[in-house]
């Protein structure tokens, strides 16, 4: 498995959840706590988040996935 595949999967999940919630990338960036441009580059796979960014995205996904599913 490619080294970045778990990050790619997390980013795909985050992008899908963002669309499901009907929020913009700018709104998501504010909720995650990163600049909009940084989030945009992650979502388009131009850059991969380092450990702190991955943790922020994972927390955001976990928090909103729980709200969406139940």
PDB file of N, CA and C in Angstrom:
ATOM      1  N   UNK A   1       0.849  -1.180   0.000  1.00  0.00           N
ATOM      2  CA  UNK A   1       0.000   0.000   0.000  1.00  0.00           C
ATOM      3  C   UNK A   1       0.893   1.240   0.000  1.00  0.00           C
ATOM      4  N   UNK A   2       0.463   2.223  -0.767  1.00  0.00           N
ATOM      5  CA  UNK A   2       1.216   3.470  -0.831  1.00  0.00           C
ATOM      6  C   UNK A   2       1.237   4.139   0.543  1.00  0.00           C
ATOM      7  N   UNK A   3       2.334   4.800   0.847  1.00  0.00           N
ATOM      8  CA  UNK A   3       2.525   5.431   2.150  1.00  0.00           C
ATOM      9  C   UNK A   3       1.421   6.440   2.469  1.00  0.00           C
ATOM     10  N   UNK A   4       0.968   7.211   1.496  1.00  0.00           N
ATOM     11  CA  UNK A   4      -0.025   8.254   1.744  1.00  0.00           C
ATOM     12  C   UNK A   4      -1.468   7.785   1.595  1.00  0.00           C
ATOM     13  N   UNK A   5      -1.696   6.506   1.320  1.00  0.00           N
ATOM     14  CA  UNK A   5      -3.065   6.045   1.085  1.00  0.00           C
ATOM     15  C   UNK A   5      -3.997   6.286   2.275  1.00  0.00           C
ATOM     16  N   UNK A   6      -3.581   6.040   3.523  1.00  0.00           N
ATOM     17  CA  UNK A   6      -4.503   6.356   4.630  1.00  0.00           C
ATOM     18  C   UNK A   6      -4.882   7.841   4.679  1.00  0.00           C
ATOM     19  N   UNK A   7      -3.941   8.730   4.373  1.00  0.00           N
ATOM     20  CA  UNK A   7      -4.254  10.162   4.337  1.00  0.00           C
ATOM     21  C   UNK A   7      -5.204  10.472   3.192  1.00  0.00           C
ATOM     22  N   UNK A   8      -4.970   9.855   2.038  1.00  0.00           N
ATOM     23  CA  UNK A   8      -5.860  10.078   0.889  1.00  0.00           C
ATOM     24  C   UNK A   8      -7.285   9.632   1.221  1.00  0.00           C
ATOM     25  N   UNK A   9      -7.403   8.507   1.884  1.00  0.00           N
ATOM     26  CA  UNK A   9      -8.727   7.997   2.257  1.00  0.00           C
ATOM     27  C   UNK A   9      -9.407   8.967   3.227  1.00  0.00           C
ATOM     28  N   UNK A  10      -8.653   9.465   4.209  1.00  0.00           N
ATOM     29  CA  UNK A  10      -9.194  10.425   5.166  1.00  0.00           C
ATOM     30  C   UNK A  10      -9.649  11.700   4.466  1.00  0.00           C
ATOM     31  N   UNK A  11      -8.852  12.186   3.527  1.00  0.00           N
ATOM     32  CA  UNK A  11      -9.206  13.407   2.804  1.00  0.00           C
ATOM     33  C   UNK A  11     -10.443  13.180   1.940  1.00  0.00           C
ATOM     34  N   UNK A  12     -10.540  12.026   1.285  1.00  0.00           N
ATOM     35  CA  UNK A  12     -11.744  11.719   0.492  1.00  0.00           C
ATOM     36  C   UNK A  12     -12.974  11.678   1.386  1.00  0.00           C
ATOM     37  N   UNK A  13     -12.844  11.070   2.575  1.00  0.00           N
ATOM     38  CA  UNK A  13     -13.966  11.035   3.521  1.00  0.00           C
ATOM     39  C   UNK A  13     -14.357  12.445   3.956  1.00  0.00           C
ATOM     40  N   UNK A  14     -13.357  13.281   4.231  1.00  0.00           N
ATOM     41  CA  UNK A  14     -13.623  14.660   4.659  1.00  0.00           C
ATOM     42  C   UNK A  14     -14.326  15.443   3.558  1.00  0.00           C
ATOM     43  N   UNK A  15     -13.879  15.273   2.314  1.00  0.00           N
ATOM     44  CA  UNK A  15     -14.498  15.985   1.192  1.00  0.00           C
ATOM     45  C   UNK A  15     -15.949  15.539   1.011  1.00  0.00           C
ATOM     46  N   UNK A  16     -16.193  14.248   1.126  1.00  0.00           N
ATOM     47  CA  UNK A  16     -17.562  13.736   0.979  1.00  0.00           C
ATOM     48  C   UNK A  16     -18.455  14.254   2.107  1.00  0.00           C
ATOM     49  N   UNK A  17     -17.926  14.286   3.314  1.00  0.00           N
ATOM     50  CA  UNK A  17     -18.698  14.779   4.458  1.00  0.00           C
ATOM     51  C   UNK A  17     -18.991  16.269   4.312  1.00  0.00           C
ATOM     52  N   UNK A  18     -18.029  17.019   3.789  1.00  0.00           N
ATOM     53  CA  UNK A  18     -18.239  18.452   3.553  1.00  0.00           C
ATOM     54  C   UNK A  18     -19.405  18.652   2.593  1.00  0.00           C
ATOM     55  N   UNK A  19     -19.416  17.883   1.516  1.00  0.00           N
ATOM     56  CA  UNK A  19     -20.504  18.000   0.531  1.00  0.00           C
ATOM     57  C   UNK A  19     -21.834  17.565   1.127  1.00  0.00           C
ATOM     58  N   UNK A  20     -21.811  16.497   1.910  1.00  0.00           N
ATOM     59  CA  UNK A  20     -23.030  16.007   2.550  1.00  0.00           C
ATOM     60  C   UNK A  20     -23.617  17.065   3.488  1.00  0.00           C
ATOM     61  N   UNK A  21     -22.745  17.772   4.193  1.00  0.00           N
ATOM     62  CA  UNK A  21     -23.196  18.834   5.096  1.00  0.00           C
ATOM     63  C   UNK A  21     -23.591  20.099   4.349  1.00  0.00           C
ATOM     64  N   UNK A  22     -23.191  20.224   3.099  1.00  0.00           N
ATOM     65  CA  UNK A  22     -23.547  21.398   2.308  1.00  0.00           C
ATOM     66  C   UNK A  22     -22.804  22.656   2.703  1.00  0.00           C
ATOM     67  N   UNK A  23     -21.543  22.504   3.112  1.00  0.00           N
ATOM     68  CA  UNK A  23     -20.755  23.677   3.485  1.00  0.00           C
ATOM     69  C   UNK A  23     -19.644  23.904   2.464  1.00  0.00           C
ATOM     70  N   UNK A  24     -19.135  25.116   2.434  1.00  0.00           N
ATOM     71  CA  UNK A  24     -18.069  25.459   1.502  1.00  0.00           C
ATOM     72  C   UNK A  24     -16.712  25.027   2.071  1.00  0.00           C
ATOM     73  N   UNK A  25     -15.708  25.043   1.206  1.00  0.00           N
ATOM     74  CA  UNK A  25     -14.357  24.753   1.666  1.00  0.00           C
ATOM     75  C   UNK A  25     -13.914  25.786   2.699  1.00  0.00           C
ATOM     76  N   UNK A  26     -14.298  27.032   2.495  1.00  0.00           N
ATOM     77  CA  UNK A  26     -13.925  28.087   3.442  1.00  0.00           C
ATOM     78  C   UNK A  26     -14.538  27.822   4.816  1.00  0.00           C
ATOM     79  N   UNK A  27     -15.800  27.394   4.850  1.00  0.00           N
ATOM     80  CA  UNK A  27     -16.442  27.080   6.128  1.00  0.00           C
ATOM     81  C   UNK A  27     -15.766  25.888   6.785  1.00  0.00           C
ATOM     82  N   UNK A  28     -15.446  24.881   5.992  1.00  0.00           N
ATOM     83  CA  UNK A  28     -14.783  23.701   6.525  1.00  0.00           C
ATOM     84  C   UNK A  28     -13.414  24.075   7.094  1.00  0.00           C
ATOM     85  N   UNK A  29     -12.669  24.898   6.356  1.00  0.00           N
ATOM     86  CA  UNK A  29     -11.340  25.313   6.810  1.00  0.00           C
ATOM     87  C   UNK A  29     -11.428  26.015   8.161  1.00  0.00           C
ATOM     88  N   UNK A  30     -12.442  26.861   8.312  1.00  0.00           N
ATOM     89  CA  UNK A  30     -12.618  27.574   9.582  1.00  0.00           C
ATOM     90  C   UNK A  30     -12.921  26.592  10.711  1.00  0.00           C
ATOM     91  N   UNK A  31     -13.772  25.601  10.440  1.00  0.00           N
ATOM     92  CA  UNK A  31     -14.113  24.603  11.455  1.00  0.00           C
ATOM     93  C   UNK A  31     -12.908  23.728  11.812  1.00  0.00           C
ATOM     94  N   UNK A  32     -12.116  23.373  10.801  1.00  0.00           N
ATOM     95  CA  UNK A  32     -10.939  22.535  11.030  1.00  0.00           C
ATOM     96  C   UNK A  32      -9.854  23.328  11.746  1.00  0.00           C
ATOM     97  N   UNK A  33      -9.761  24.628  11.426  1.00  0.00           N
ATOM     98  CA  UNK A  33      -8.762  25.480  12.050  1.00  0.00           C
ATOM     99  C   UNK A  33      -7.501  25.656  11.226  1.00  0.00           C
ATOM    100  N   UNK A  34      -7.668  25.626   9.895  1.00  0.00           N
ATOM    101  CA  UNK A  34      -6.531  25.825   8.990  1.00  0.00           C
ATOM    102  C   UNK A  34      -6.918  26.877   7.953  1.00  0.00           C
ATOM    103  N   UNK A  35      -5.930  27.507   7.323  1.00  0.00           N
ATOM    104  CA  UNK A  35      -6.256  28.462   6.259  1.00  0.00           C
ATOM    105  C   UNK A  35      -6.990  27.773   5.101  1.00  0.00           C
ATOM    106  N   UNK A  36      -7.871  28.527   4.465  1.00  0.00           N
ATOM    107  CA  UNK A  36      -8.643  27.986   3.351  1.00  0.00           C
ATOM    108  C   UNK A  36      -7.740  27.424   2.258  1.00  0.00           C
ATOM    109  N   UNK A  37      -6.697  28.149   1.927  1.00  0.00           N
ATOM    110  CA  UNK A  37      -5.781  27.719   0.860  1.00  0.00           C
ATOM    111  C   UNK A  37      -5.123  26.376   1.197  1.00  0.00           C
ATOM    112  N   UNK A  38      -4.761  26.188   2.445  1.00  0.00           N
ATOM    113  CA  UNK A  38      -4.150  24.928   2.883  1.00  0.00           C
ATOM    114  C   UNK A  38      -5.132  23.781   2.705  1.00  0.00           C
ATOM    115  N   UNK A  39      -6.365  23.984   3.168  1.00  0.00           N
ATOM    116  CA  UNK A  39      -7.378  22.941   3.030  1.00  0.00           C
ATOM    117  C   UNK A  39      -7.639  22.631   1.560  1.00  0.00           C
ATOM    118  N   UNK A  40      -7.728  23.655   0.753  1.00  0.00           N
ATOM    119  CA  UNK A  40      -7.958  23.472  -0.679  1.00  0.00           C
ATOM    120  C   UNK A  40      -6.863  22.591  -1.293  1.00  0.00           C
ATOM    121  N   UNK A  41      -5.616  22.836  -0.939  1.00  0.00           N
ATOM    122  CA  UNK A  41      -4.511  22.051  -1.477  1.00  0.00           C
ATOM    123  C   UNK A  41      -4.577  20.605  -0.996  1.00  0.00           C
ATOM    124  N   UNK A  42      -5.007  20.392   0.236  1.00  0.00           N
ATOM    125  CA  UNK A  42      -5.167  19.021   0.725  1.00  0.00           C
ATOM    126  C   UNK A  42      -6.289  18.321  -0.016  1.00  0.00           C
ATOM    127  N   UNK A  43      -7.432  18.987  -0.169  1.00  0.00           N
ATOM    128  CA  UNK A  43      -8.585  18.355  -0.805  1.00  0.00           C
ATOM    129  C   UNK A  43      -8.331  18.040  -2.275  1.00  0.00           C
ATOM    130  N   UNK A  44      -7.447  18.785  -2.900  1.00  0.00           N
ATOM    131  CA  UNK A  44      -7.117  18.538  -4.305  1.00  0.00           C
ATOM    132  C   UNK A  44      -5.851  17.692  -4.456  1.00  0.00           C
ATOM    133  N   UNK A  45      -5.351  17.157  -3.350  1.00  0.00           N
ATOM    134  CA  UNK A  45      -4.177  16.286  -3.319  1.00  0.00           C
ATOM    135  C   UNK A  45      -2.919  16.922  -3.898  1.00  0.00           C
ATOM    136  N   UNK A  46      -2.842  18.259  -3.858  1.00  0.00           N
ATOM    137  CA  UNK A  46      -1.603  18.931  -4.267  1.00  0.00           C
ATOM    138  C   UNK A  46      -0.564  18.859  -3.165  1.00  0.00           C
ATOM    139  N   UNK A  47      -1.053  18.772  -1.917  1.00  0.00           N
ATOM    140  CA  UNK A  47      -0.172  18.599  -0.754  1.00  0.00           C
ATOM    141  C   UNK A  47      -0.834  17.611   0.187  1.00  0.00           C
ATOM    142  N   UNK A  48      -0.027  16.913   0.942  1.00  0.00           N
ATOM    143  CA  UNK A  48      -0.538  16.005   1.966  1.00  0.00           C
ATOM    144  C   UNK A  48      -0.322  16.657   3.327  1.00  0.00           C
ATOM    145  N   UNK A  49      -1.322  16.573   4.206  1.00  0.00           N
ATOM    146  CA  UNK A  49      -1.146  17.161   5.535  1.00  0.00           C
ATOM    147  C   UNK A  49      -0.106  16.391   6.340  1.00  0.00           C
ATOM    148  N   UNK A  50       0.630  17.111   7.142  1.00  0.00           N
ATOM    149  CA  UNK A  50       1.558  16.475   8.073  1.00  0.00           C
ATOM    150  C   UNK A  50       0.747  16.001   9.287  1.00  0.00           C
ATOM    151  N   UNK A  51       1.391  15.443  10.260  1.00  0.00           N
ATOM    152  CA  UNK A  51       0.693  14.841  11.404  1.00  0.00           C
ATOM    153  C   UNK A  51      -0.318  15.778  12.086  1.00  0.00           C
ATOM    154  N   UNK A  52       0.041  17.039  12.382  1.00  0.00           N
ATOM    155  CA  UNK A  52      -0.955  17.902  13.042  1.00  0.00           C
ATOM    156  C   UNK A  52      -2.198  18.145  12.172  1.00  0.00           C
ATOM    157  N   UNK A  53      -1.989  18.348  10.880  1.00  0.00           N
ATOM    158  CA  UNK A  53      -3.118  18.563   9.975  1.00  0.00           C
ATOM    159  C   UNK A  53      -3.984  17.326   9.847  1.00  0.00           C
ATOM    160  N   UNK A  54      -3.343  16.171   9.794  1.00  0.00           N
ATOM    161  CA  UNK A  54      -4.084  14.914   9.718  1.00  0.00           C
ATOM    162  C   UNK A  54      -4.947  14.736  10.965  1.00  0.00           C
ATOM    163  N   UNK A  55      -4.390  15.081  12.113  1.00  0.00           N
ATOM    164  CA  UNK A  55      -5.145  14.973  13.364  1.00  0.00           C
ATOM    165  C   UNK A  55      -6.347  15.905  13.358  1.00  0.00           C
ATOM    166  N   UNK A  56      -6.164  17.138  12.883  1.00  0.00           N
ATOM    167  CA  UNK A  56      -7.279  18.090  12.820  1.00  0.00           C
ATOM    168  C   UNK A  56      -8.391  17.579  11.901  1.00  0.00           C
ATOM    169  N   UNK A  57      -8.009  17.060  10.746  1.00  0.00           N
ATOM    170  CA  UNK A  57      -9.014  16.549   9.804  1.00  0.00           C
ATOM    171  C   UNK A  57      -9.731  15.340  10.405  1.00  0.00           C
ATOM    172  N   UNK A  58      -8.962  14.436  11.002  1.00  0.00           N
ATOM    173  CA  UNK A  58      -9.570  13.234  11.587  1.00  0.00           C
ATOM    174  C   UNK A  58     -10.569  13.619  12.679  1.00  0.00           C
ATOM    175  N   UNK A  59     -10.207  14.571  13.529  1.00  0.00           N
ATOM    176  CA  UNK A  59     -11.131  15.015  14.588  1.00  0.00           C
ATOM    177  C   UNK A  59     -12.391  15.627  13.985  1.00  0.00           C
ATOM    178  N   UNK A  60     -12.224  16.447  12.939  1.00  0.00           N
ATOM    179  CA  UNK A  60     -13.370  17.082  12.288  1.00  0.00           C
ATOM    180  C   UNK A  60     -14.292  16.023  11.683  1.00  0.00           C
ATOM    181  N   UNK A  61     -13.700  15.060  10.988  1.00  0.00           N
ATOM    182  CA  UNK A  61     -14.500  13.985  10.376  1.00  0.00           C
ATOM    183  C   UNK A  61     -15.230  13.197  11.453  1.00  0.00           C
ATOM    184  N   UNK A  62     -14.532  12.804  12.497  1.00  0.00           N
ATOM    185  CA  UNK A  62     -15.159  12.022  13.569  1.00  0.00           C
ATOM    186  C   UNK A  62     -16.302  12.781  14.223  1.00  0.00           C
ATOM    187  N   UNK A  63     -16.091  14.061  14.483  1.00  0.00           N
ATOM    188  CA  UNK A  63     -17.116  14.866  15.143  1.00  0.00           C
ATOM    189  C   UNK A  63     -18.363  14.995  14.262  1.00  0.00           C
ATOM    190  N   UNK A  64     -18.169  15.276  12.994  1.00  0.00           N
ATOM    191  CA  UNK A  64     -19.328  15.521  12.125  1.00  0.00           C
ATOM    192  C   UNK A  64     -19.927  14.246  11.573  1.00  0.00           C
ATOM    193  N   UNK A  65     -19.150  13.199  11.488  1.00  0.00           N
ATOM    194  CA  UNK A  65     -19.718  11.917  11.063  1.00  0.00           C
ATOM    195  C   UNK A  65     -20.711  11.444  12.108  1.00  0.00           C
ATOM    196  N   UNK A  66     -20.372  11.614  13.388  1.00  0.00           N
ATOM    197  CA  UNK A  66     -21.274  11.222  14.475  1.00  0.00           C
ATOM    198  C   UNK A  66     -22.571  12.024  14.435  1.00  0.00           C
ATOM    199  N   UNK A  67     -22.480  13.311  14.121  1.00  0.00           N
ATOM    200  CA  UNK A  67     -23.672  14.151  14.043  1.00  0.00           C
ATOM    201  C   UNK A  67     -24.533  13.784  12.846  1.00  0.00           C
ATOM    202  N   UNK A  68     -23.901  13.392  11.742  1.00  0.00           N
ATOM    203  CA  UNK A  68     -24.615  13.075  10.505  1.00  0.00           C
ATOM    204  C   UNK A  68     -25.302  11.717  10.597  1.00  0.00           C
ATOM    205  N   UNK A  69     -24.642  10.745  11.235  1.00  0.00           N
ATOM    206  CA  UNK A  69     -25.175   9.382  11.251  1.00  0.00           C
ATOM    207  C   UNK A  69     -26.058   9.098  12.453  1.00  0.00           C
ATOM    208  N   UNK A  70     -26.110   9.960  13.398  1.00  0.00           N
ATOM    209  CA  UNK A  70     -26.958   9.623  14.532  1.00  0.00           C
ATOM    210  C   UNK A  70     -26.949  10.660  15.513  1.00  0.00           C
TER     211      UNK A  70
END
